[in-house]
N, C-alpha and C. Protein backbone atom coordinates (compact mmCIF):
# COMPACT_ATOMS: atom_id res chain seq x y z
N UNK A 1 -15.74 43.25 26.94
CA UNK A 1 -14.39 43.28 27.04
C UNK A 1 -13.89 42.71 28.27
N UNK A 2 -12.91 41.51 28.28
CA UNK A 2 -12.37 40.97 29.43
C UNK A 2 -10.90 41.20 29.98
N UNK A 3 -10.35 41.87 29.15
CA UNK A 3 -9.18 41.93 29.34
C UNK A 3 -8.37 43.44 28.59
N UNK A 4 -8.05 44.38 29.63
CA UNK A 4 -7.31 45.55 29.12
C UNK A 4 -5.78 45.46 29.35
N UNK A 5 -5.08 45.55 28.75
CA UNK A 5 -3.14 45.63 28.96
C UNK A 5 -2.66 46.60 28.11
N UNK A 6 -1.32 47.13 28.74
CA UNK A 6 -0.89 48.08 27.88
C UNK A 6 -0.39 47.31 26.96
N UNK A 7 0.00 48.02 25.65
CA UNK A 7 0.04 47.40 24.40
C UNK A 7 1.74 46.96 24.73
N UNK A 8 1.91 45.64 24.05
CA UNK A 8 3.25 45.11 24.33
C UNK A 8 4.51 45.69 23.85
N UNK A 9 4.09 46.46 22.34
CA UNK A 9 5.19 47.22 21.81
C UNK A 9 5.78 48.62 22.34
N UNK A 10 4.64 49.07 23.19
CA UNK A 10 5.23 50.13 23.79
C UNK A 10 5.06 51.48 23.04
N UNK A 11 4.58 51.39 21.84
CA UNK A 11 4.13 52.18 20.81
C UNK A 11 3.29 53.28 21.38
N UNK A 12 3.88 54.67 21.19
CA UNK A 12 2.79 55.73 21.92
C UNK A 12 1.53 56.13 21.12
N UNK A 13 1.49 55.15 20.06
CA UNK A 13 0.22 55.80 19.13
C UNK A 13 -0.78 54.50 19.57
N UNK A 14 -0.51 53.33 20.27
CA UNK A 14 -1.05 52.15 20.49
C UNK A 14 -0.67 52.11 22.30
N UNK A 15 -1.69 52.77 22.95
CA UNK A 15 -1.70 52.64 24.51
C UNK A 15 -1.82 51.42 25.16
N UNK A 16 -2.87 50.71 24.70
CA UNK A 16 -3.57 49.64 25.16
C UNK A 16 -4.35 48.66 23.94
N UNK A 17 -3.89 47.41 24.42
CA UNK A 17 -4.88 46.10 23.66
C UNK A 17 -5.72 45.90 24.40
N UNK A 18 -7.10 45.70 23.69
CA UNK A 18 -8.00 45.05 24.50
C UNK A 18 -8.68 44.06 23.79
N UNK A 19 -8.83 42.96 24.50
CA UNK A 19 -9.02 41.83 24.24
C UNK A 19 -10.55 40.97 24.33
N UNK A 20 -11.84 41.00 23.56
CA UNK A 20 -12.88 40.89 23.74
C UNK A 20 -13.53 39.74 23.52
N UNK A 21 -14.51 39.35 24.06
CA UNK A 21 -15.27 38.31 23.63
C UNK A 21 -16.90 38.15 23.49
N UNK A 22 -17.46 38.45 22.69
CA UNK A 22 -18.87 38.75 22.46
C UNK A 22 -19.70 38.14 21.37
N UNK A 23 -20.93 38.30 21.37
CA UNK A 23 -21.85 37.64 20.29
C UNK A 23 -21.16 36.30 19.41
N UNK A 24 -21.87 35.25 19.20
CA UNK A 24 -21.39 34.47 18.37
C UNK A 24 -20.23 33.89 18.54
N UNK A 25 -19.65 33.88 20.04
CA UNK A 25 -18.28 33.59 20.27
C UNK A 25 -17.19 34.05 19.59
N UNK A 26 -17.13 35.42 18.99
CA UNK A 26 -16.12 36.07 18.35
C UNK A 26 -15.16 36.52 19.27
N UNK A 27 -13.59 36.27 18.89
CA UNK A 27 -12.97 36.89 19.89
C UNK A 27 -12.22 37.86 19.12
N UNK A 28 -11.90 39.14 19.42
CA UNK A 28 -11.32 40.10 18.81
C UNK A 28 -10.44 40.82 19.97
N UNK A 29 -9.32 41.40 18.81
CA UNK A 29 -8.29 42.29 19.21
C UNK A 29 -8.12 43.50 19.10
N UNK A 30 -8.13 44.56 19.71
CA UNK A 30 -8.10 45.85 19.37
C UNK A 30 -6.91 46.90 19.93
N UNK A 31 -6.33 47.63 19.07
CA UNK A 31 -5.32 48.54 19.52
C UNK A 31 -5.58 49.52 19.37
N UNK A 32 -5.55 50.62 20.68
CA UNK A 32 -6.34 52.22 20.43
C UNK A 32 -5.15 52.95 20.82
N UNK A 33 -5.46 54.08 20.04
CA UNK A 33 -4.35 55.29 20.21
C UNK A 33 -4.94 56.23 21.48
N UNK A 34 -4.04 57.16 21.71
CA UNK A 34 -4.38 57.99 22.76
C UNK A 34 -5.51 58.72 22.55
N UNK A 35 -6.49 58.83 23.57
CA UNK A 35 -7.79 59.78 23.52
C UNK A 35 -8.89 59.00 22.43
N UNK A 36 -8.60 57.81 21.86
CA UNK A 36 -9.56 57.37 21.35
C UNK A 36 -10.25 56.35 22.28
N UNK A 37 -11.91 56.21 21.95
CA UNK A 37 -12.62 55.38 22.80
C UNK A 37 -12.98 54.34 22.41
N UNK A 38 -12.95 53.21 23.29
CA UNK A 38 -13.37 51.96 22.78
C UNK A 38 -14.44 51.78 22.40
N UNK A 39 -15.51 51.41 21.38
CA UNK A 39 -16.59 51.37 21.26
C UNK A 39 -17.61 49.89 21.83
N UNK A 40 -18.47 49.69 21.65
CA UNK A 40 -19.17 48.65 22.02
C UNK A 40 -18.69 47.40 21.21
N UNK A 41 -18.97 46.32 21.95
CA UNK A 41 -18.52 45.12 21.48
C UNK A 41 -18.91 44.73 19.82
N UNK A 42 -18.05 44.65 19.14
CA UNK A 42 -18.10 44.21 17.52
C UNK A 42 -16.94 43.66 16.99
N UNK A 43 -17.25 42.74 16.16
CA UNK A 43 -16.00 41.74 15.89
C UNK A 43 -15.25 42.83 14.61
N UNK A 44 -16.35 44.06 14.20
CA UNK A 44 -16.17 44.63 12.80
C UNK A 44 -15.07 45.92 13.48
N UNK A 45 -14.87 46.10 14.87
CA UNK A 45 -14.21 47.28 15.44
C UNK A 45 -12.97 46.74 15.78
N UNK A 46 -12.21 45.81 15.67
CA UNK A 46 -11.42 44.94 16.20
C UNK A 46 -10.59 44.22 15.30
N UNK A 47 -9.68 43.61 15.57
CA UNK A 47 -9.03 42.29 14.72
C UNK A 47 -9.82 41.16 15.28
N UNK A 48 -10.70 40.50 14.40
CA UNK A 48 -11.22 39.41 14.65
C UNK A 48 -10.09 38.33 14.64
N UNK A 49 -9.99 37.55 15.86
CA UNK A 49 -8.98 36.63 15.93
C UNK A 49 -9.54 35.37 15.22
N UNK A 50 -10.70 34.64 15.78
CA UNK A 50 -11.19 33.36 15.35
C UNK A 50 -12.52 33.08 15.83
N UNK A 51 -13.43 32.10 15.55
CA UNK A 51 -14.23 31.84 16.41
C UNK A 51 -13.86 30.89 17.90
N UNK A 52 -14.50 31.36 18.67
CA UNK A 52 -14.07 30.32 19.88
C UNK A 52 -14.40 29.16 19.97
N UNK A 53 -14.12 28.35 20.76
CA UNK A 53 -14.37 26.85 20.83
C UNK A 53 -15.75 26.83 20.90
N UNK A 54 -16.57 25.53 20.81
CA UNK A 54 -17.75 25.32 20.82
C UNK A 54 -18.49 25.75 22.19
N UNK A 55 -17.89 25.40 23.27
CA UNK A 55 -18.51 26.13 24.35
C UNK A 55 -18.40 27.45 24.84
N UNK A 56 -19.02 28.08 25.33
CA UNK A 56 -19.14 29.67 25.56
C UNK A 56 -17.44 29.94 26.28
N UNK A 57 -17.01 31.12 25.46
CA UNK A 57 -15.65 31.36 26.22
C UNK A 57 -15.89 32.68 26.81
N UNK A 58 -16.05 32.79 28.17
CA UNK A 58 -15.92 34.05 28.60
C UNK A 58 -15.20 34.62 29.27
N UNK A 59 -13.87 34.26 29.62
CA UNK A 59 -12.93 35.14 30.39
C UNK A 59 -11.34 34.60 29.16
N UNK A 60 -10.62 35.44 29.19
CA UNK A 60 -9.53 35.63 28.15
C UNK A 60 -8.37 36.48 28.74
N UNK A 61 -7.17 36.23 28.06
CA UNK A 61 -5.96 36.85 28.61
C UNK A 61 -5.29 36.80 27.37
N UNK A 62 -4.46 37.81 27.23
CA UNK A 62 -3.63 38.20 26.09
C UNK A 62 -2.11 38.28 26.64
N UNK A 63 -1.35 37.34 26.11
CA UNK A 63 -0.01 37.42 26.81
C UNK A 63 0.79 38.71 26.59
N UNK A 64 1.94 38.87 27.23
CA UNK A 64 2.55 40.30 27.34
C UNK A 64 3.03 40.72 26.02
N UNK A 65 3.41 39.61 24.86
CA UNK A 65 3.96 40.30 23.79
C UNK A 65 3.10 40.17 22.60
N UNK A 66 1.76 39.82 22.84
CA UNK A 66 0.27 39.95 22.38
C UNK A 66 0.33 39.12 21.06
N UNK A 67 0.86 37.91 21.40
CA UNK A 67 0.93 36.92 20.16
C UNK A 67 0.08 35.47 20.60
N UNK A 68 -0.14 35.35 21.86
CA UNK A 68 -0.87 34.16 22.14
C UNK A 68 -2.33 34.94 23.33
N UNK A 69 -3.30 34.01 23.09
CA UNK A 69 -4.33 34.27 24.05
C UNK A 69 -4.90 32.77 24.85
N UNK A 70 -5.22 32.81 25.89
CA UNK A 70 -5.79 31.56 26.64
C UNK A 70 -7.28 32.50 27.02
N UNK A 71 -7.91 31.20 26.77
CA UNK A 71 -9.34 31.26 26.94
C UNK A 71 -10.34 30.10 27.76
N UNK A 72 -11.03 30.47 28.69
CA UNK A 72 -12.03 29.51 29.59
C UNK A 72 -13.22 29.88 29.39
N UNK A 73 -14.20 29.01 29.70
CA UNK A 73 -15.64 29.36 29.69
C UNK A 73 -16.61 28.48 30.00
N UNK A 74 -17.61 28.01 29.51
CA UNK A 74 -18.50 27.21 29.83
C UNK A 74 -18.26 25.89 29.87
N UNK A 75 -17.41 25.33 29.26
CA UNK A 75 -16.80 24.10 29.08
C UNK A 75 -15.82 23.80 30.27
N UNK A 76 -15.34 22.59 30.21
CA UNK A 76 -13.93 22.17 31.16
C UNK A 76 -12.94 22.53 30.62
N UNK A 77 -12.53 23.12 29.58
CA UNK A 77 -11.08 23.29 29.13
C UNK A 77 -10.80 24.65 29.07
N UNK A 78 -9.57 24.57 28.66
CA UNK A 78 -8.83 26.09 28.45
C UNK A 78 -8.12 25.62 27.11
N UNK A 79 -8.22 26.83 26.32
CA UNK A 79 -7.99 26.93 24.94
C UNK A 79 -6.75 27.77 24.86
N UNK A 80 -5.65 27.72 23.99
CA UNK A 80 -4.97 28.83 23.52
C UNK A 80 -4.87 29.20 22.21
N UNK A 81 -4.80 30.24 21.92
CA UNK A 81 -4.80 30.64 20.58
C UNK A 81 -3.62 31.65 19.99
N UNK A 82 -3.40 31.59 18.77
CA UNK A 82 -2.31 32.10 18.15
C UNK A 82 -2.83 33.53 17.59
N UNK A 83 -2.79 34.63 18.22
CA UNK A 83 -3.29 36.05 18.32
C UNK A 83 -2.72 36.44 16.50
N UNK A 84 -1.63 36.41 16.21
CA UNK A 84 -1.02 36.57 14.91
C UNK A 84 -1.41 35.74 13.99
N UNK A 85 -1.60 34.47 13.89
CA UNK A 85 -1.78 33.58 12.59
C UNK A 85 -3.69 33.37 12.83
N UNK A 86 -4.14 33.93 13.80
CA UNK A 86 -5.63 33.74 14.12
C UNK A 86 -5.99 32.48 13.98
N UNK A 87 -5.15 31.16 14.71
CA UNK A 87 -5.57 29.92 14.78
C UNK A 87 -5.45 29.19 16.05
N UNK A 88 -6.51 28.27 16.40
CA UNK A 88 -6.36 27.72 17.72
C UNK A 88 -4.97 27.01 17.81
N UNK A 89 -4.53 26.87 18.98
CA UNK A 89 -3.39 26.03 19.21
C UNK A 89 -3.55 24.65 20.44
N UNK A 90 -4.87 24.79 20.53
CA UNK A 90 -5.37 23.80 21.36
C UNK A 90 -6.17 23.72 22.35
N UNK A 91 -7.33 23.11 22.60
CA UNK A 91 -8.05 23.09 24.00
C UNK A 91 -7.65 22.21 24.55
N UNK A 92 -7.68 21.96 25.78
CA UNK A 92 -7.28 21.22 26.74
C UNK A 92 -8.26 20.61 28.00
N UNK A 93 -8.83 19.74 28.29
CA UNK A 93 -9.96 19.36 29.12
C UNK A 93 -9.46 19.63 30.56
N UNK A 94 -8.96 20.51 31.38
CA UNK A 94 -8.26 20.46 32.39
C UNK A 94 -9.45 20.50 33.72
N UNK A 95 -10.30 21.16 33.54
CA UNK A 95 -11.30 21.53 34.91
C UNK A 95 -12.41 20.62 34.76
N UNK A 96 -13.14 20.56 35.82
CA UNK A 96 -14.35 19.56 36.35
C UNK A 96 -15.58 20.46 35.78
N UNK A 97 -15.48 21.95 36.00
CA UNK A 97 -16.47 22.84 35.94
C UNK A 97 -16.11 23.94 35.04
N UNK A 98 -16.94 24.81 34.69
CA UNK A 98 -16.30 25.76 33.78
C UNK A 98 -15.65 26.82 34.06
N UNK A 99 -14.54 27.50 33.48
CA UNK A 99 -13.59 27.96 33.87
C UNK A 99 -14.05 29.46 34.26
N UNK A 100 -13.51 30.20 35.01
CA UNK A 100 -13.54 31.73 35.87
C UNK A 100 -12.71 32.69 35.35
N UNK A 101 -11.43 32.22 35.41
CA UNK A 101 -10.08 33.21 35.40
C UNK A 101 -9.03 32.54 34.53
N UNK A 102 -8.37 33.39 33.91
CA UNK A 102 -6.99 33.11 33.41
C UNK A 102 -6.00 34.01 33.50
N UNK A 103 -5.12 34.00 33.23
CA UNK A 103 -3.81 34.95 33.46
C UNK A 103 -2.59 34.53 32.63
N UNK A 104 -1.51 35.46 32.19
CA UNK A 104 -0.32 35.24 31.86
C UNK A 104 0.77 35.62 32.82
N UNK A 105 1.88 35.41 33.08
CA UNK A 105 2.76 35.72 33.85
C UNK A 105 3.46 37.27 32.88
N UNK A 106 4.14 38.00 33.22
CA UNK A 106 4.46 38.97 32.94
C UNK A 106 5.66 38.82 31.71
N UNK A 107 6.29 37.74 31.78
CA UNK A 107 7.35 37.50 31.01
C UNK A 107 6.78 36.49 30.02
N UNK A 108 5.44 36.09 29.97
CA UNK A 108 5.01 35.41 29.19
C UNK A 108 4.97 33.57 29.11
N UNK A 109 5.80 33.61 30.22
CA UNK A 109 6.57 31.95 30.49
C UNK A 109 5.30 30.88 31.04
N UNK A 110 4.34 31.52 31.81
CA UNK A 110 3.62 30.77 32.27
C UNK A 110 2.21 31.38 32.23
N UNK A 111 1.04 30.67 32.34
CA UNK A 111 -0.35 30.58 31.91
C UNK A 111 -0.93 30.08 32.92
N UNK A 112 -2.09 30.48 33.52
CA UNK A 112 -2.90 29.81 34.48
C UNK A 112 -4.64 29.89 34.27
N UNK A 113 -5.16 28.96 34.67
CA UNK A 113 -6.48 28.75 34.33
C UNK A 113 -7.49 28.47 35.58
N UNK A 114 -8.31 29.02 35.79
CA UNK A 114 -9.31 28.64 37.20
C UNK A 114 -10.44 28.52 37.13
N UNK A 115 -10.79 27.43 37.96
CA UNK A 115 -12.30 27.27 37.88
C UNK A 115 -12.24 26.36 39.13
N UNK A 116 -13.01 25.56 39.13
CA UNK A 116 -13.00 24.36 40.66
C UNK A 116 -11.34 24.17 40.85
N UNK A 117 -10.65 24.43 40.33
CA UNK A 117 -9.22 24.41 40.91
C UNK A 117 -8.44 25.09 39.89
N UNK A 118 -7.03 25.41 39.96
CA UNK A 118 -6.19 26.09 39.34
C UNK A 118 -5.17 25.33 38.61
N UNK A 119 -4.80 25.45 37.31
CA UNK A 119 -3.92 24.83 36.63
C UNK A 119 -2.93 25.71 35.93
N UNK A 120 -1.98 25.62 36.02
CA UNK A 120 -0.68 26.10 35.51
C UNK A 120 0.06 25.41 34.35
N UNK A 121 -0.05 26.17 33.26
CA UNK A 121 0.54 25.83 31.99
C UNK A 121 2.05 26.35 32.02
N UNK A 122 2.75 25.66 31.00
CA UNK A 122 4.03 26.36 30.43
C UNK A 122 3.21 27.06 29.11
N UNK A 123 3.47 28.26 29.09
CA UNK A 123 3.03 28.82 27.83
C UNK A 123 3.14 28.71 26.46
N UNK A 124 4.34 28.30 26.38
CA UNK A 124 5.15 28.16 25.12
C UNK A 124 4.81 26.51 24.90
N UNK A 125 4.85 25.45 25.40
CA UNK A 125 4.48 23.91 25.13
C UNK A 125 2.94 23.98 25.28
N UNK A 126 2.55 24.84 26.23
CA UNK A 126 0.87 24.35 26.69
C UNK A 126 0.76 23.14 27.50
N UNK A 127 1.88 22.58 27.86
CA UNK A 127 1.79 21.41 28.86
C UNK A 127 1.52 22.01 30.21
N UNK A 128 0.34 21.09 30.95
CA UNK A 128 0.18 21.17 32.13
C UNK A 128 1.07 21.14 33.37
N UNK A 129 1.71 22.20 34.08
CA UNK A 129 2.78 21.78 35.08
C UNK A 129 2.20 21.35 36.36
N UNK A 130 1.04 21.71 36.58
CA UNK A 130 0.72 21.66 37.82
C UNK A 130 -0.91 21.99 38.34
N UNK A 131 -1.52 21.58 39.20
CA UNK A 131 -2.93 21.58 39.65
C UNK A 131 -3.09 21.86 40.86
N UNK A 132 -3.75 22.81 41.49
CA UNK A 132 -3.85 23.33 42.99
C UNK A 132 -5.18 23.13 42.93
N UNK A 133 -5.54 22.17 43.85
CA UNK A 133 -7.10 21.77 44.18
C UNK A 133 -7.40 22.66 45.42
N UNK A 134 -8.41 23.39 45.36
CA UNK A 134 -9.18 24.02 46.66
C UNK A 134 -10.66 24.11 46.69
N UNK A 135 -11.34 23.71 48.11
CA UNK A 135 -12.70 23.51 47.97
C UNK A 135 -13.80 24.72 47.46
N UNK A 136 -13.19 26.24 47.33
CA UNK A 136 -14.14 27.08 46.72
C UNK A 136 -13.56 27.34 45.01
N UNK A 137 -14.62 27.81 44.35
CA UNK A 137 -14.36 28.27 43.13
C UNK A 137 -13.24 29.44 43.01
N UNK A 138 -12.33 29.40 41.64
CA UNK A 138 -11.82 30.60 41.78
C UNK A 138 -12.22 31.63 41.17
N UNK A 139 -12.07 33.17 41.37
CA UNK A 139 -12.80 33.93 41.10
C UNK A 139 -11.93 34.85 40.09
N UNK A 140 -10.27 34.91 40.41
CA UNK A 140 -9.44 35.64 40.14
C UNK A 140 -7.96 35.29 40.11
N UNK A 141 -7.41 35.49 38.91
CA UNK A 141 -6.03 34.74 39.15
C UNK A 141 -4.86 36.10 38.57
N UNK A 142 -3.66 36.25 39.05
CA UNK A 142 -3.03 37.31 38.73
C UNK A 142 -1.31 36.83 39.27
N UNK A 143 -0.43 36.91 38.02
CA UNK A 143 0.88 36.33 38.73
C UNK A 143 1.56 37.59 38.88
N UNK A 144 2.71 37.60 39.73
CA UNK A 144 3.71 38.72 40.27
C UNK A 144 4.62 39.15 38.99
N UNK A 145 5.10 40.58 39.37
CA UNK A 145 6.11 40.66 38.76
C UNK A 145 7.14 40.13 38.21
N UNK A 146 7.52 39.43 39.26
CA UNK A 146 8.99 38.57 39.26
C UNK A 146 8.67 37.37 38.52
N UNK A 147 7.30 36.88 38.01
CA UNK A 147 6.97 35.77 37.87
C UNK A 147 6.88 34.46 38.67
N UNK A 148 7.17 34.72 40.06
CA UNK A 148 7.11 33.55 40.96
C UNK A 148 6.04 33.52 41.61
N UNK A 149 5.18 34.45 41.92
CA UNK A 149 4.20 34.06 42.59
C UNK A 149 2.66 33.72 41.92
N UNK A 150 1.97 33.18 42.02
CA UNK A 150 0.38 33.26 41.40
C UNK A 150 -0.22 33.44 42.52
N UNK A 151 -1.32 34.58 42.59
CA UNK A 151 -2.42 34.84 43.66
C UNK A 151 -3.71 34.48 42.92
N UNK A 152 -4.57 34.12 43.71
CA UNK A 152 -5.80 33.56 43.61
C UNK A 152 -7.01 33.92 44.37
N UNK A 153 -7.77 34.60 43.95
CA UNK A 153 -8.94 34.67 45.01
C UNK A 153 -10.38 33.73 44.83
N UNK A 154 -10.95 33.70 45.62
CA UNK A 154 -11.82 32.40 45.79
C UNK A 154 -13.57 32.86 46.32
N UNK A 155 -14.25 31.99 45.90
CA UNK A 155 -15.49 32.20 46.24
C UNK A 155 -15.76 32.33 47.98
N UNK A 156 -15.01 31.79 48.49
CA UNK A 156 -15.33 31.36 49.87
C UNK A 156 -14.40 32.85 50.93
N UNK A 157 -13.90 33.71 49.97
CA UNK A 157 -13.06 35.09 50.74
C UNK A 157 -11.44 34.65 50.53
N UNK A 158 -11.25 33.71 50.39
CA UNK A 158 -9.74 33.37 50.43
C UNK A 158 -9.04 34.09 49.50
N UNK A 159 -7.69 34.04 49.71
CA UNK A 159 -6.61 34.65 48.85
C UNK A 159 -5.59 33.84 48.85
N UNK A 160 -5.14 33.11 48.16
CA UNK A 160 -4.08 32.19 47.86
C UNK A 160 -2.87 32.40 47.30
N UNK A 161 -1.64 32.18 47.93
CA UNK A 161 -0.52 32.50 47.29
C UNK A 161 0.33 31.47 46.97
N UNK A 162 0.82 31.13 45.61
CA UNK A 162 1.34 29.93 45.01
C UNK A 162 2.63 30.31 44.63
N UNK A 163 3.77 29.50 45.14
CA UNK A 163 5.13 29.48 44.45
C UNK A 163 5.00 28.96 43.23
N UNK A 164 5.14 29.72 42.12
CA UNK A 164 5.20 28.89 40.83
C UNK A 164 6.56 28.16 40.96
N UNK A 165 7.46 28.65 41.16
CA UNK A 165 8.95 27.78 41.29
C UNK A 165 8.67 26.52 41.95
N UNK A 166 8.05 26.55 42.94
CA UNK A 166 7.88 25.00 43.57
C UNK A 166 6.42 24.81 43.90
N UNK A 167 5.59 24.42 43.01
CA UNK A 167 3.98 24.20 43.45
C UNK A 167 3.86 23.53 44.51
N UNK A 168 4.66 22.28 44.37
CA UNK A 168 4.72 21.26 45.70
C UNK A 168 4.47 22.05 46.88
N UNK A 169 5.08 22.97 47.08
CA UNK A 169 5.15 23.32 48.63
C UNK A 169 3.74 23.79 49.10
N UNK A 170 2.68 23.84 48.26
CA UNK A 170 1.50 24.37 48.37
C UNK A 170 1.19 25.77 48.56
N UNK A 171 -0.23 26.34 48.56
CA UNK A 171 -0.38 27.51 48.83
C UNK A 171 0.03 28.01 50.34
N UNK A 172 -0.36 29.40 50.23
CA UNK A 172 -0.12 30.15 51.60
C UNK A 172 -1.61 30.67 51.59
N UNK A 173 -2.39 30.78 52.60
CA UNK A 173 -3.53 31.32 52.48
C UNK A 173 -3.46 32.88 53.13
N UNK A 174 -4.75 33.71 52.97
CA UNK A 174 -4.68 34.83 54.01
C UNK A 174 -6.06 34.78 55.05
């Protein structure tokens, strides 16, 4: 399992959604009720989305409304999936190396993927909006609750803060 989030519809019988990628590149989405335990990785235990792209998909994020998925992995691309219709929305070769992190903004407007660089997408059009080059690999990405800041962690220990509203300003670092 790569991502566990509060369930987007706030239904008390579905406390969280878990997005997993396991054996044979199957993506699955599971909603769990209070007190239920999440079983091992199996497409039969969740709602199968579809087969992941041909290169291994190791990292996934579910949009806050539960309708889209972004995945990255062994190839150089980021792929978007429609979680409701169970179909690919497109794969985009945006990185030079395999992907290591993905995230959606809390309002679902932005998506980001990280590898040897960070790419910010418009989550609705899937258009690449900006790219941030940094000399160390990305390990994790998260967007702030106000949707303005993208925080990234890197293999050299750096933590970068990028203003999503004005990515030309460049990142601040810790």
